[in-house]
PDB file of N, CA and C in Angstrom:
ATOM      1  N   THR A   1     161.468  20.588  81.972  1.00  0.00           N
ATOM      2  CA  THR A   1     161.946  21.939  82.223  1.00  0.00           C
ATOM      3  C   THR A   1     163.327  21.958  82.864  1.00  0.00           C
ATOM      4  N   HIS A   2     163.672  20.893  83.548  1.00  0.00           N
ATOM      5  CA  HIS A   2     164.899  20.836  84.341  1.00  0.00           C
ATOM      6  C   HIS A   2     164.893  21.899  85.432  1.00  0.00           C
ATOM      7  N   SER A   3     163.711  22.436  85.775  1.00  0.00           N
ATOM      8  CA  SER A   3     163.642  23.426  86.847  1.00  0.00           C
ATOM      9  C   SER A   3     163.682  22.710  88.193  1.00  0.00           C
ATOM     10  N   SER A   4     164.067  23.458  89.209  1.00  0.00           N
ATOM     11  CA  SER A   4     164.185  22.892  90.552  1.00  0.00           C
ATOM     12  C   SER A   4     163.847  23.979  91.565  1.00  0.00           C
ATOM     13  N   LYS A   5     163.853  23.606  92.828  1.00  0.00           N
ATOM     14  CA  LYS A   5     163.569  24.565  93.897  1.00  0.00           C
ATOM     15  C   LYS A   5     164.568  25.714  93.923  1.00  0.00           C
ATOM     16  N   GLU A   6     165.744  25.494  93.350  1.00  0.00           N
ATOM     17  CA  GLU A   6     166.763  26.540  93.320  1.00  0.00           C
ATOM     18  C   GLU A   6     166.410  27.666  92.338  1.00  0.00           C
ATOM     19  N   ILE A   7     165.469  27.435  91.440  1.00  0.00           N
ATOM     20  CA  ILE A   7     165.038  28.445  90.469  1.00  0.00           C
ATOM     21  C   ILE A   7     163.701  29.010  90.957  1.00  0.00           C
ATOM     22  N   SER A   8     163.685  30.280  91.292  1.00  0.00           N
ATOM     23  CA  SER A   8     162.459  30.890  91.823  1.00  0.00           C
ATOM     24  C   SER A   8     161.514  31.280  90.690  1.00  0.00           C
ATOM     25  N   ASP A   9     160.242  31.435  91.025  1.00  0.00           N
ATOM     26  CA  ASP A   9     159.251  31.888  90.049  1.00  0.00           C
ATOM     27  C   ASP A   9     159.637  33.240  89.462  1.00  0.00           C
ATOM     28  N   VAL A  10     160.224  34.108  90.274  1.00  0.00           N
ATOM     29  CA  VAL A  10     160.618  35.444  89.817  1.00  0.00           C
ATOM     30  C   VAL A  10     161.599  35.350  88.647  1.00  0.00           C
ATOM     31  N   GLU A  11     162.478  34.371  88.676  1.00  0.00           N
ATOM     32  CA  GLU A  11     163.491  34.226  87.624  1.00  0.00           C
ATOM     33  C   GLU A  11     162.889  33.853  86.270  1.00  0.00           C
ATOM     34  N   ILE A  12     161.743  33.182  86.273  1.00  0.00           N
ATOM     35  CA  ILE A  12     161.157  32.714  85.011  1.00  0.00           C
ATOM     36  C   ILE A  12     159.793  33.337  84.728  1.00  0.00           C
ATOM     37  N   SER A  13     159.380  34.306  85.534  1.00  0.00           N
ATOM     38  CA  SER A  13     158.050  34.907  85.354  1.00  0.00           C
ATOM     39  C   SER A  13     157.985  35.753  84.085  1.00  0.00           C
ATOM     40  N   ILE A  14     156.767  35.879  83.564  1.00  0.00           N
ATOM     41  CA  ILE A  14     156.475  36.712  82.398  1.00  0.00           C
ATOM     42  C   ILE A  14     155.371  37.684  82.820  1.00  0.00           C
ATOM     43  N   PRO A  15     155.582  38.994  82.681  1.00  0.00           N
ATOM     44  CA  PRO A  15     154.556  39.961  83.091  1.00  0.00           C
ATOM     45  C   PRO A  15     153.212  39.685  82.398  1.00  0.00           C
ATOM     46  N   GLY A  16     152.130  39.704  83.203  1.00  0.00           N
ATOM     47  CA  GLY A  16     150.787  39.488  82.676  1.00  0.00           C
ATOM     48  C   GLY A  16     150.376  38.027  82.630  1.00  0.00           C
ATOM     49  N   PHE A  17     151.268  37.135  83.050  1.00  0.00           N
ATOM     50  CA  PHE A  17     150.974  35.703  83.041  1.00  0.00           C
ATOM     51  C   PHE A  17     151.107  35.132  84.446  1.00  0.00           C
ATOM     52  N   ARG A  18     150.303  34.145  84.731  1.00  0.00           N
ATOM     53  CA  ARG A  18     150.431  33.397  85.987  1.00  0.00           C
ATOM     54  C   ARG A  18     151.211  32.132  85.684  1.00  0.00           C
ATOM     55  N   ILE A  19     152.117  31.787  86.573  1.00  0.00           N
ATOM     56  CA  ILE A  19     152.953  30.604  86.380  1.00  0.00           C
ATOM     57  C   ILE A  19     152.452  29.456  87.250  1.00  0.00           C
ATOM     58  N   PHE A  20     152.375  28.295  86.643  1.00  0.00           N
ATOM     59  CA  PHE A  20     152.048  27.059  87.343  1.00  0.00           C
ATOM     60  C   PHE A  20     153.193  26.103  87.043  1.00  0.00           C
ATOM     61  N   ARG A  21     153.808  25.576  88.065  1.00  0.00           N
ATOM     62  CA  ARG A  21     154.954  24.709  87.821  1.00  0.00           C
ATOM     63  C   ARG A  21     154.958  23.506  88.736  1.00  0.00           C
ATOM     64  N   ARG A  22     155.522  22.453  88.236  1.00  0.00           N
ATOM     65  CA  ARG A  22     155.740  21.239  89.014  1.00  0.00           C
ATOM     66  C   ARG A  22     157.150  20.784  88.695  1.00  0.00           C
ATOM     67  N   ASP A  23     158.041  21.000  89.631  1.00  0.00           N
ATOM     68  CA  ASP A  23     159.427  20.604  89.434  1.00  0.00           C
ATOM     69  C   ASP A  23     159.572  19.096  89.611  1.00  0.00           C
ATOM     70  N   ARG A  24     160.695  18.585  89.163  1.00  0.00           N
ATOM     71  CA  ARG A  24     160.962  17.155  89.272  1.00  0.00           C
ATOM     72  C   ARG A  24     160.821  16.718  90.716  1.00  0.00           C
ATOM     73  N   ASP A  25     160.034  15.670  90.935  1.00  0.00           N
ATOM     74  CA  ASP A  25     159.795  15.126  92.267  1.00  0.00           C
ATOM     75  C   ASP A  25     160.668  13.886  92.433  1.00  0.00           C
ATOM     76  N   PHE A  26     161.752  14.030  93.142  1.00  0.00           N
ATOM     77  CA  PHE A  26     162.664  12.901  93.298  1.00  0.00           C
ATOM     78  C   PHE A  26     162.129  11.844  94.245  1.00  0.00           C
ATOM     79  N   SER A  27     160.979  12.094  94.889  1.00  0.00           N
ATOM     80  CA  SER A  27     160.376  11.058  95.722  1.00  0.00           C
ATOM     81  C   SER A  27     159.802   9.938  94.864  1.00  0.00           C
ATOM     82  N   VAL A  28     159.661  10.177  93.559  1.00  0.00           N
ATOM     83  CA  VAL A  28     159.220   9.121  92.641  1.00  0.00           C
ATOM     84  C   VAL A  28     160.148   7.921  92.757  1.00  0.00           C
ATOM     85  N   ALA A  29     161.395   8.174  93.138  1.00  0.00           N
ATOM     86  CA  ALA A  29     162.394   7.120  93.217  1.00  0.00           C
ATOM     87  C   ALA A  29     162.010   6.014  94.198  1.00  0.00           C
ATOM     88  N   SER A  30     161.073   6.256  95.095  1.00  0.00           N
ATOM     89  CA  SER A  30     160.689   5.217  96.041  1.00  0.00           C
ATOM     90  C   SER A  30     160.065   4.014  95.343  1.00  0.00           C
ATOM     91  N   ASN A  31     159.531   4.215  94.155  1.00  0.00           N
ATOM     92  CA  ASN A  31     158.907   3.111  93.428  1.00  0.00           C
ATOM     93  C   ASN A  31     159.727   2.628  92.237  1.00  0.00           C
ATOM     94  N   VAL A  32     160.865   3.209  92.018  1.00  0.00           N
ATOM     95  CA  VAL A  32     161.732   2.789  90.918  1.00  0.00           C
ATOM     96  C   VAL A  32     163.161   2.747  91.428  1.00  0.00           C
ATOM     97  N   GLU A  33     164.030   2.152  90.680  1.00  0.00           N
ATOM     98  CA  GLU A  33     165.422   2.097  91.086  1.00  0.00           C
ATOM     99  C   GLU A  33     166.006   3.504  91.133  1.00  0.00           C
ATOM    100  N   GLU A  34     166.717   3.809  92.213  1.00  0.00           N
ATOM    101  CA  GLU A  34     167.319   5.133  92.374  1.00  0.00           C
ATOM    102  C   GLU A  34     168.151   5.526  91.161  1.00  0.00           C
ATOM    103  N   ALA A  35     168.893   4.583  90.618  1.00  0.00           N
ATOM    104  CA  ALA A  35     169.802   4.885  89.510  1.00  0.00           C
ATOM    105  C   ALA A  35     169.070   5.264  88.232  1.00  0.00           C
ATOM    106  N   SER A  36     167.785   4.924  88.156  1.00  0.00           N
ATOM    107  CA  SER A  36     167.049   5.190  86.922  1.00  0.00           C
ATOM    108  C   SER A  36     166.392   6.560  86.894  1.00  0.00           C
ATOM    109  N   VAL A  37     166.492   7.337  87.975  1.00  0.00           N
ATOM    110  CA  VAL A  37     165.876   8.661  88.024  1.00  0.00           C
ATOM    111  C   VAL A  37     166.887   9.687  87.524  1.00  0.00           C
ATOM    112  N   SER A  38     166.517  10.410  86.468  1.00  0.00           N
ATOM    113  CA  SER A  38     167.426  11.401  85.875  1.00  0.00           C
ATOM    114  C   SER A  38     167.220  12.771  86.509  1.00  0.00           C
ATOM    115  N   ASN A  39     167.992  13.735  86.053  1.00  0.00           N
ATOM    116  CA  ASN A  39     167.878  15.096  86.560  1.00  0.00           C
ATOM    117  C   ASN A  39     166.851  15.928  85.804  1.00  0.00           C
ATOM    118  N   GLY A  40     166.234  15.392  84.770  1.00  0.00           N
ATOM    119  CA  GLY A  40     165.277  16.141  83.965  1.00  0.00           C
ATOM    120  C   GLY A  40     163.908  16.155  84.604  1.00  0.00           C
ATOM    121  N   GLY A  41     162.902  16.350  83.774  1.00  0.00           N
ATOM    122  CA  GLY A  41     161.528  16.280  84.234  1.00  0.00           C
ATOM    123  C   GLY A  41     160.977  17.616  84.689  1.00  0.00           C
ATOM    124  N   GLY A  42     159.710  17.574  85.047  1.00  0.00           N
ATOM    125  CA  GLY A  42     159.020  18.762  85.489  1.00  0.00           C
ATOM    126  C   GLY A  42     158.312  19.480  84.352  1.00  0.00           C
ATOM    127  N   CYS A  43     157.359  20.337  84.735  1.00  0.00           N
ATOM    128  CA  CYS A  43     156.554  21.065  83.751  1.00  0.00           C
ATOM    129  C   CYS A  43     156.257  22.477  84.249  1.00  0.00           C
ATOM    130  N   VAL A  44     156.079  23.380  83.304  1.00  0.00           N
ATOM    131  CA  VAL A  44     155.657  24.745  83.600  1.00  0.00           C
ATOM    132  C   VAL A  44     154.578  25.132  82.594  1.00  0.00           C
ATOM    133  N   ILE A  45     153.521  25.778  83.085  1.00  0.00           N
ATOM    134  CA  ILE A  45     152.468  26.325  82.227  1.00  0.00           C
ATOM    135  C   ILE A  45     152.332  27.808  82.579  1.00  0.00           C
ATOM    136  N   PHE A  46     152.321  28.664  81.564  1.00  0.00           N
ATOM    137  CA  PHE A  46     152.073  30.092  81.725  1.00  0.00           C
ATOM    138  C   PHE A  46     150.707  30.390  81.120  1.00  0.00           C
ATOM    139  N   ILE A  47     149.807  31.029  81.891  1.00  0.00           N
ATOM    140  CA  ILE A  47     148.467  31.386  81.424  1.00  0.00           C
ATOM    141  C   ILE A  47     148.250  32.872  81.706  1.00  0.00           C
ATOM    142  N   LYS A  48     147.704  33.598  80.727  1.00  0.00           N
ATOM    143  CA  LYS A  48     147.435  35.029  80.922  1.00  0.00           C
ATOM    144  C   LYS A  48     146.530  35.227  82.141  1.00  0.00           C
ATOM    145  N   ASP A  49     146.886  36.204  82.964  1.00  0.00           N
ATOM    146  CA  ASP A  49     146.128  36.512  84.179  1.00  0.00           C
ATOM    147  C   ASP A  49     144.643  36.748  83.899  1.00  0.00           C
ATOM    148  N   ILE A  50     144.342  37.419  82.781  1.00  0.00           N
ATOM    149  CA  ILE A  50     142.943  37.782  82.487  1.00  0.00           C
ATOM    150  C   ILE A  50     142.069  36.573  82.177  1.00  0.00           C
ATOM    151  N   LEU A  51     142.663  35.400  82.001  1.00  0.00           N
ATOM    152  CA  LEU A  51     141.893  34.176  81.716  1.00  0.00           C
ATOM    153  C   LEU A  51     141.478  33.439  82.985  1.00  0.00           C
ATOM    154  N   ASN A  52     141.725  34.053  84.152  1.00  0.00           N
ATOM    155  CA  ASN A  52     141.295  33.496  85.431  1.00  0.00           C
ATOM    156  C   ASN A  52     141.755  32.039  85.607  1.00  0.00           C
ATOM    157  N   PRO A  53     143.059  31.772  85.490  1.00  0.00           N
ATOM    158  CA  PRO A  53     143.530  30.388  85.592  1.00  0.00           C
ATOM    159  C   PRO A  53     143.521  29.875  87.027  1.00  0.00           C
ATOM    160  N   SER A  54     143.317  28.568  87.166  1.00  0.00           N
ATOM    161  CA  SER A  54     143.408  27.940  88.486  1.00  0.00           C
ATOM    162  C   SER A  54     143.945  26.517  88.343  1.00  0.00           C
ATOM    163  N   LEU A  55     144.676  26.113  89.357  1.00  0.00           N
ATOM    164  CA  LEU A  55     145.275  24.786  89.397  1.00  0.00           C
ATOM    165  C   LEU A  55     144.192  23.727  89.556  1.00  0.00           C
ATOM    166  N   ILE A  56     144.309  22.641  88.829  1.00  0.00           N
ATOM    167  CA  ILE A  56     143.427  21.482  89.021  1.00  0.00           C
ATOM    168  C   ILE A  56     144.147  20.590  90.029  1.00  0.00           C
ATOM    169  N   ASP A  57     143.774  20.728  91.303  1.00  0.00           N
ATOM    170  CA  ASP A  57     144.562  20.112  92.365  1.00  0.00           C
ATOM    171  C   ASP A  57     144.409  18.601  92.482  1.00  0.00           C
ATOM    172  N   TRP A  58     143.377  18.022  91.893  1.00  0.00           N
ATOM    173  CA  TRP A  58     143.235  16.568  91.962  1.00  0.00           C
ATOM    174  C   TRP A  58     144.089  15.847  90.916  1.00  0.00           C
ATOM    175  N   PHE A  59     144.682  16.574  89.981  1.00  0.00           N
ATOM    176  CA  PHE A  59     145.513  15.970  88.938  1.00  0.00           C
ATOM    177  C   PHE A  59     146.867  15.623  89.553  1.00  0.00           C
ATOM    178  N   LYS A  60     146.995  14.395  90.024  1.00  0.00           N
ATOM    179  CA  LYS A  60     148.183  13.947  90.755  1.00  0.00           C
ATOM    180  C   LYS A  60     149.007  13.000  89.880  1.00  0.00           C
ATOM    181  N   VAL A  61     149.874  13.593  89.060  1.00  0.00           N
ATOM    182  CA  VAL A  61     150.768  12.837  88.192  1.00  0.00           C
ATOM    183  C   VAL A  61     152.180  13.352  88.456  1.00  0.00           C
ATOM    184  N   PRO A  62     153.143  12.470  88.744  1.00  0.00           N
ATOM    185  CA  PRO A  62     154.505  12.946  89.024  1.00  0.00           C
ATOM    186  C   PRO A  62     155.042  13.835  87.906  1.00  0.00           C
ATOM    187  N   ASP A  63     155.692  14.910  88.278  1.00  0.00           N
ATOM    188  CA  ASP A  63     156.362  15.827  87.344  1.00  0.00           C
ATOM    189  C   ASP A  63     155.411  16.466  86.336  1.00  0.00           C
ATOM    190  N   SER A  64     154.126  16.530  86.642  1.00  0.00           N
ATOM    191  CA  SER A  64     153.122  17.034  85.705  1.00  0.00           C
ATOM    192  C   SER A  64     152.172  17.977  86.426  1.00  0.00           C
ATOM    193  N   ILE A  65     151.430  18.770  85.638  1.00  0.00           N
ATOM    194  CA  ILE A  65     150.531  19.760  86.231  1.00  0.00           C
ATOM    195  C   ILE A  65     149.349  19.994  85.293  1.00  0.00           C
ATOM    196  N   ALA A  66     148.204  20.348  85.864  1.00  0.00           N
ATOM    197  CA  ALA A  66     147.014  20.664  85.066  1.00  0.00           C
ATOM    198  C   ALA A  66     146.380  21.945  85.599  1.00  0.00           C
ATOM    199  N   VAL A  67     145.872  22.751  84.655  1.00  0.00           N
ATOM    200  CA  VAL A  67     145.295  24.056  84.956  1.00  0.00           C
ATOM    201  C   VAL A  67     144.014  24.201  84.146  1.00  0.00           C
ATOM    202  N   GLU A  68     143.054  24.959  84.674  1.00  0.00           N
ATOM    203  CA  GLU A  68     141.871  25.317  83.893  1.00  0.00           C
ATOM    204  C   GLU A  68     141.815  26.830  83.788  1.00  0.00           C
ATOM    205  N   PHE A  69     141.205  27.306  82.693  1.00  0.00           N
ATOM    206  CA  PHE A  69     141.133  28.755  82.475  1.00  0.00           C
ATOM    207  C   PHE A  69     139.920  29.093  81.625  1.00  0.00           C
ATOM    208  N   ASP A  70     139.519  30.389  81.680  1.00  0.00           N
ATOM    209  CA  ASP A  70     138.382  30.880  80.910  1.00  0.00           C
ATOM    210  C   ASP A  70     138.776  31.105  79.457  1.00  0.00           C
ATOM    211  N   SER A  71     137.805  30.895  78.576  1.00  0.00           N
ATOM    212  CA  SER A  71     137.982  31.230  77.161  1.00  0.00           C
ATOM    213  C   SER A  71     136.632  31.680  76.618  1.00  0.00           C
ATOM    214  N   ASN A  72     136.610  32.097  75.363  1.00  0.00           N
ATOM    215  CA  ASN A  72     135.339  32.525  74.769  1.00  0.00           C
ATOM    216  C   ASN A  72     134.391  31.355  74.515  1.00  0.00           C
ATOM    217  N   ILE A  73     134.846  30.126  74.689  1.00  0.00           N
ATOM    218  CA  ILE A  73     133.967  28.950  74.545  1.00  0.00           C
ATOM    219  C   ILE A  73     133.733  28.256  75.884  1.00  0.00           C
ATOM    220  N   GLY A  74     134.148  28.869  76.982  1.00  0.00           N
ATOM    221  CA  GLY A  74     133.982  28.287  78.318  1.00  0.00           C
ATOM    222  C   GLY A  74     135.319  27.912  78.928  1.00  0.00           C
ATOM    223  N   ARG A  75     135.258  27.154  80.010  1.00  0.00           N
ATOM    224  CA  ARG A  75     136.483  26.737  80.704  1.00  0.00           C
ATOM    225  C   ARG A  75     137.213  25.680  79.869  1.00  0.00           C
ATOM    226  N   ILE A  76     138.525  25.773  79.864  1.00  0.00           N
ATOM    227  CA  ILE A  76     139.371  24.812  79.154  1.00  0.00           C
ATOM    228  C   ILE A  76     140.388  24.253  80.139  1.00  0.00           C
ATOM    229  N   ASN A  77     140.605  22.951  80.074  1.00  0.00           N
ATOM    230  CA  ASN A  77     141.652  22.304  80.852  1.00  0.00           C
ATOM    231  C   ASN A  77     142.896  22.179  79.989  1.00  0.00           C
ATOM    232  N   ILE A  78     144.058  22.372  80.604  1.00  0.00           N
ATOM    233  CA  ILE A  78     145.312  22.083  79.918  1.00  0.00           C
ATOM    234  C   ILE A  78     146.222  21.359  80.902  1.00  0.00           C
ATOM    235  N   ALA A  79     146.830  20.295  80.431  1.00  0.00           N
ATOM    236  CA  ALA A  79     147.776  19.545  81.258  1.00  0.00           C
ATOM    237  C   ALA A  79     149.114  19.478  80.551  1.00  0.00           C
ATOM    238  N   CYS A  80     150.156  19.672  81.307  1.00  0.00           N
ATOM    239  CA  CYS A  80     151.518  19.478  80.824  1.00  0.00           C
ATOM    240  C   CYS A  80     152.041  18.240  81.545  1.00  0.00           C
ATOM    241  N   VAL A  81     152.346  17.211  80.783  1.00  0.00           N
ATOM    242  CA  VAL A  81     152.719  15.916  81.350  1.00  0.00           C
ATOM    243  C   VAL A  81     154.160  15.575  80.991  1.00  0.00           C
ATOM    244  N   TYR A  82     154.920  15.202  81.987  1.00  0.00           N
ATOM    245  CA  TYR A  82     156.237  14.619  81.737  1.00  0.00           C
ATOM    246  C   TYR A  82     156.176  13.176  82.195  1.00  0.00           C
ATOM    247  N   ARG A  83     156.254  12.251  81.235  1.00  0.00           N
ATOM    248  CA  ARG A  83     156.236  10.825  81.567  1.00  0.00           C
ATOM    249  C   ARG A  83     157.664  10.304  81.523  1.00  0.00           C
ATOM    250  N   SER A  84     158.200  10.079  82.694  1.00  0.00           N
ATOM    251  CA  SER A  84     159.555   9.551  82.795  1.00  0.00           C
ATOM    252  C   SER A  84     159.589   8.108  82.312  1.00  0.00           C
ATOM    253  N   VAL A  85     160.665   7.738  81.664  1.00  0.00           N
ATOM    254  CA  VAL A  85     160.824   6.333  81.257  1.00  0.00           C
ATOM    255  C   VAL A  85     160.979   5.441  82.484  1.00  0.00           C
ATOM    256  N   SER A  86     161.201   6.049  83.647  1.00  0.00           N
ATOM    257  CA  SER A  86     161.403   5.298  84.888  1.00  0.00           C
ATOM    258  C   SER A  86     160.106   4.983  85.637  1.00  0.00           C
ATOM    259  N   LEU A  87     158.972   5.462  85.144  1.00  0.00           N
ATOM    260  CA  LEU A  87     157.725   5.199  85.860  1.00  0.00           C
ATOM    261  C   LEU A  87     157.416   3.708  85.891  1.00  0.00           C
ATOM    262  N   SER A  88     156.882   3.274  87.012  1.00  0.00           N
ATOM    263  CA  SER A  88     156.458   1.881  87.140  1.00  0.00           C
ATOM    264  C   SER A  88     155.147   1.669  86.382  1.00  0.00           C
ATOM    265  N   ARG A  89     154.764   0.433  86.212  1.00  0.00           N
ATOM    266  CA  ARG A  89     153.484   0.113  85.560  1.00  0.00           C
ATOM    267  C   ARG A  89     152.337   0.759  86.322  1.00  0.00           C
ATOM    268  N   ASN A  90     152.383   0.695  87.652  1.00  0.00           N
ATOM    269  CA  ASN A  90     151.337   1.295  88.471  1.00  0.00           C
ATOM    270  C   ASN A  90     151.281   2.807  88.271  1.00  0.00           C
ATOM    271  N   GLN A  91     152.436   3.470  88.246  1.00  0.00           N
ATOM    272  CA  GLN A  91     152.467   4.913  88.027  1.00  0.00           C
ATOM    273  C   GLN A  91     151.945   5.278  86.644  1.00  0.00           C
ATOM    274  N   ASN A  92     152.234   4.447  85.637  1.00  0.00           N
ATOM    275  CA  ASN A  92     151.689   4.680  84.296  1.00  0.00           C
ATOM    276  C   ASN A  92     150.169   4.550  84.289  1.00  0.00           C
ATOM    277  N   THR A  93     149.659   3.570  85.022  1.00  0.00           N
ATOM    278  CA  THR A  93     148.210   3.379  85.109  1.00  0.00           C
ATOM    279  C   THR A  93     147.550   4.587  85.773  1.00  0.00           C
ATOM    280  N   ILE A  94     148.153   5.089  86.837  1.00  0.00           N
ATOM    281  CA  ILE A  94     147.621   6.277  87.522  1.00  0.00           C
ATOM    282  C   ILE A  94     147.641   7.475  86.577  1.00  0.00           C
ATOM    283  N   MET A  95     148.756   7.666  85.853  1.00  0.00           N
ATOM    284  CA  MET A  95     148.863   8.775  84.917  1.00  0.00           C
ATOM    285  C   MET A  95     147.759   8.691  83.863  1.00  0.00           C
ATOM    286  N   THR A  96     147.561   7.525  83.295  1.00  0.00           N
ATOM    287  CA  THR A  96     146.534   7.339  82.269  1.00  0.00           C
ATOM    288  C   THR A  96     145.143   7.628  82.826  1.00  0.00           C
ATOM    289  N   SER A  97     144.870   7.175  84.035  1.00  0.00           N
ATOM    290  CA  SER A  97     143.540   7.419  84.619  1.00  0.00           C
ATOM    291  C   SER A  97     143.332   8.901  84.924  1.00  0.00           C
ATOM    292  N   MET A  98     144.374   9.609  85.330  1.00  0.00           N
ATOM    293  CA  MET A  98     144.255  11.049  85.579  1.00  0.00           C
ATOM    294  C   MET A  98     143.996  11.817  84.280  1.00  0.00           C
ATOM    295  N   ILE A  99     144.668  11.433  83.207  1.00  0.00           N
ATOM    296  CA  ILE A  99     144.445  12.087  81.906  1.00  0.00           C
ATOM    297  C   ILE A  99     143.018  11.820  81.431  1.00  0.00           C
ATOM    298  N   LYS A 100     142.534  10.586  81.614  1.00  0.00           N
ATOM    299  CA  LYS A 100     141.156  10.261  81.222  1.00  0.00           C
ATOM    300  C   LYS A 100     140.161  11.070  82.057  1.00  0.00           C
ATOM    301  N   LYS A 101     140.389  11.166  83.359  1.00  0.00           N
ATOM    302  CA  LYS A 101     139.504  11.951  84.228  1.00  0.00           C
ATOM    303  C   LYS A 101     139.494  13.414  83.804  1.00  0.00           C
ATOM    304  N   LEU A 102     140.663  13.944  83.445  1.00  0.00           N
ATOM    305  CA  LEU A 102     140.753  15.329  82.981  1.00  0.00           C
ATOM    306  C   LEU A 102     139.917  15.524  81.717  1.00  0.00           C
ATOM    307  N   ALA A 103     140.054  14.621  80.767  1.00  0.00           N
ATOM    308  CA  ALA A 103     139.303  14.718  79.513  1.00  0.00           C
ATOM    309  C   ALA A 103     137.805  14.580  79.753  1.00  0.00           C
ATOM    310  N   ASP A 104     137.419  13.716  80.681  1.00  0.00           N
ATOM    311  CA  ASP A 104     135.994  13.496  80.976  1.00  0.00           C
ATOM    312  C   ASP A 104     135.380  14.651  81.768  1.00  0.00           C
ATOM    313  N   SER A 105     136.213  15.452  82.445  1.00  0.00           N
ATOM    314  CA  SER A 105     135.693  16.500  83.321  1.00  0.00           C
ATOM    315  C   SER A 105     135.297  17.775  82.571  1.00  0.00           C
ATOM    316  N   ASN A 106     135.681  17.871  81.316  1.00  0.00           N
ATOM    317  CA  ASN A 106     135.416  19.087  80.562  1.00  0.00           C
ATOM    318  C   ASN A 106     135.436  18.738  79.076  1.00  0.00           C
ATOM    319  N   GLU A 107     134.548  19.342  78.295  1.00  0.00           N
ATOM    320  CA  GLU A 107     134.522  19.064  76.861  1.00  0.00           C
ATOM    321  C   GLU A 107     135.801  19.509  76.164  1.00  0.00           C
ATOM    322  N   GLU A 108     136.438  20.544  76.694  1.00  0.00           N
ATOM    323  CA  GLU A 108     137.639  21.094  76.061  1.00  0.00           C
ATOM    324  C   GLU A 108     138.845  20.853  76.944  1.00  0.00           C
ATOM    325  N   SER A 109     139.693  19.916  76.544  1.00  0.00           N
ATOM    326  CA  SER A 109     140.905  19.616  77.293  1.00  0.00           C
ATOM    327  C   SER A 109     142.060  19.483  76.325  1.00  0.00           C
ATOM    328  N   ILE A 110     143.219  19.977  76.754  1.00  0.00           N
ATOM    329  CA  ILE A 110     144.440  19.901  75.964  1.00  0.00           C
ATOM    330  C   ILE A 110     145.476  19.202  76.827  1.00  0.00           C
ATOM    331  N   VAL A 111     146.145  18.193  76.259  1.00  0.00           N
ATOM    332  CA  VAL A 111     147.211  17.494  76.974  1.00  0.00           C
ATOM    333  C   VAL A 111     148.458  17.577  76.110  1.00  0.00           C
ATOM    334  N   VAL A 112     149.509  18.153  76.672  1.00  0.00           N
ATOM    335  CA  VAL A 112     150.788  18.284  75.969  1.00  0.00           C
ATOM    336  C   VAL A 112     151.890  17.775  76.888  1.00  0.00           C
ATOM    337  N   GLY A 113     153.041  17.506  76.314  1.00  0.00           N
ATOM    338  CA  GLY A 113     154.163  17.134  77.158  1.00  0.00           C
ATOM    339  C   GLY A 113     155.155  16.230  76.482  1.00  0.00           C
ATOM    340  N   ASP A 114     155.965  15.616  77.299  1.00  0.00           N
ATOM    341  CA  ASP A 114     156.991  14.676  76.870  1.00  0.00           C
ATOM    342  C   ASP A 114     156.575  13.313  77.413  1.00  0.00           C
ATOM    343  N   PHE A 115     156.087  12.462  76.522  1.00  0.00           N
ATOM    344  CA  PHE A 115     155.550  11.174  76.927  1.00  0.00           C
ATOM    345  C   PHE A 115     156.566  10.040  76.832  1.00  0.00           C
ATOM    346  N   ASN A 116     157.747  10.311  76.279  1.00  0.00           N
ATOM    347  CA  ASN A 116     158.801   9.297  76.178  1.00  0.00           C
ATOM    348  C   ASN A 116     158.274   7.958  75.683  1.00  0.00           C
ATOM    349  N   LEU A 117     157.565   7.990  74.582  1.00  0.00           N
ATOM    350  CA  LEU A 117     157.006   6.752  74.017  1.00  0.00           C
ATOM    351  C   LEU A 117     158.017   6.034  73.167  1.00  0.00           C
TER     352      LEU A 117
END
């Protein structure tokens, strides 16, 4: 998204939708070379208010976010993942385990994003 703390929710809000965002976390640099961290990254998910969306707070992946919401087939998980090419092997392992946990926690899960494969 290239969003940052300087961009408020009001600037990007859509009437009737709840915004969930995770801006680029530059603290990731503690595990990678400072020079390898770019200005990109981050994710935003917009979910209609009437779908009763809520943040999945245990989904701890840098620059990524997961939300669950109501649908006519039950609760659905959706994750927006930004996988930086700068992630360490350990951070990649954590990301993979979080995505697996998300998929295992609900029959209906959607994972989208920029995986930089």
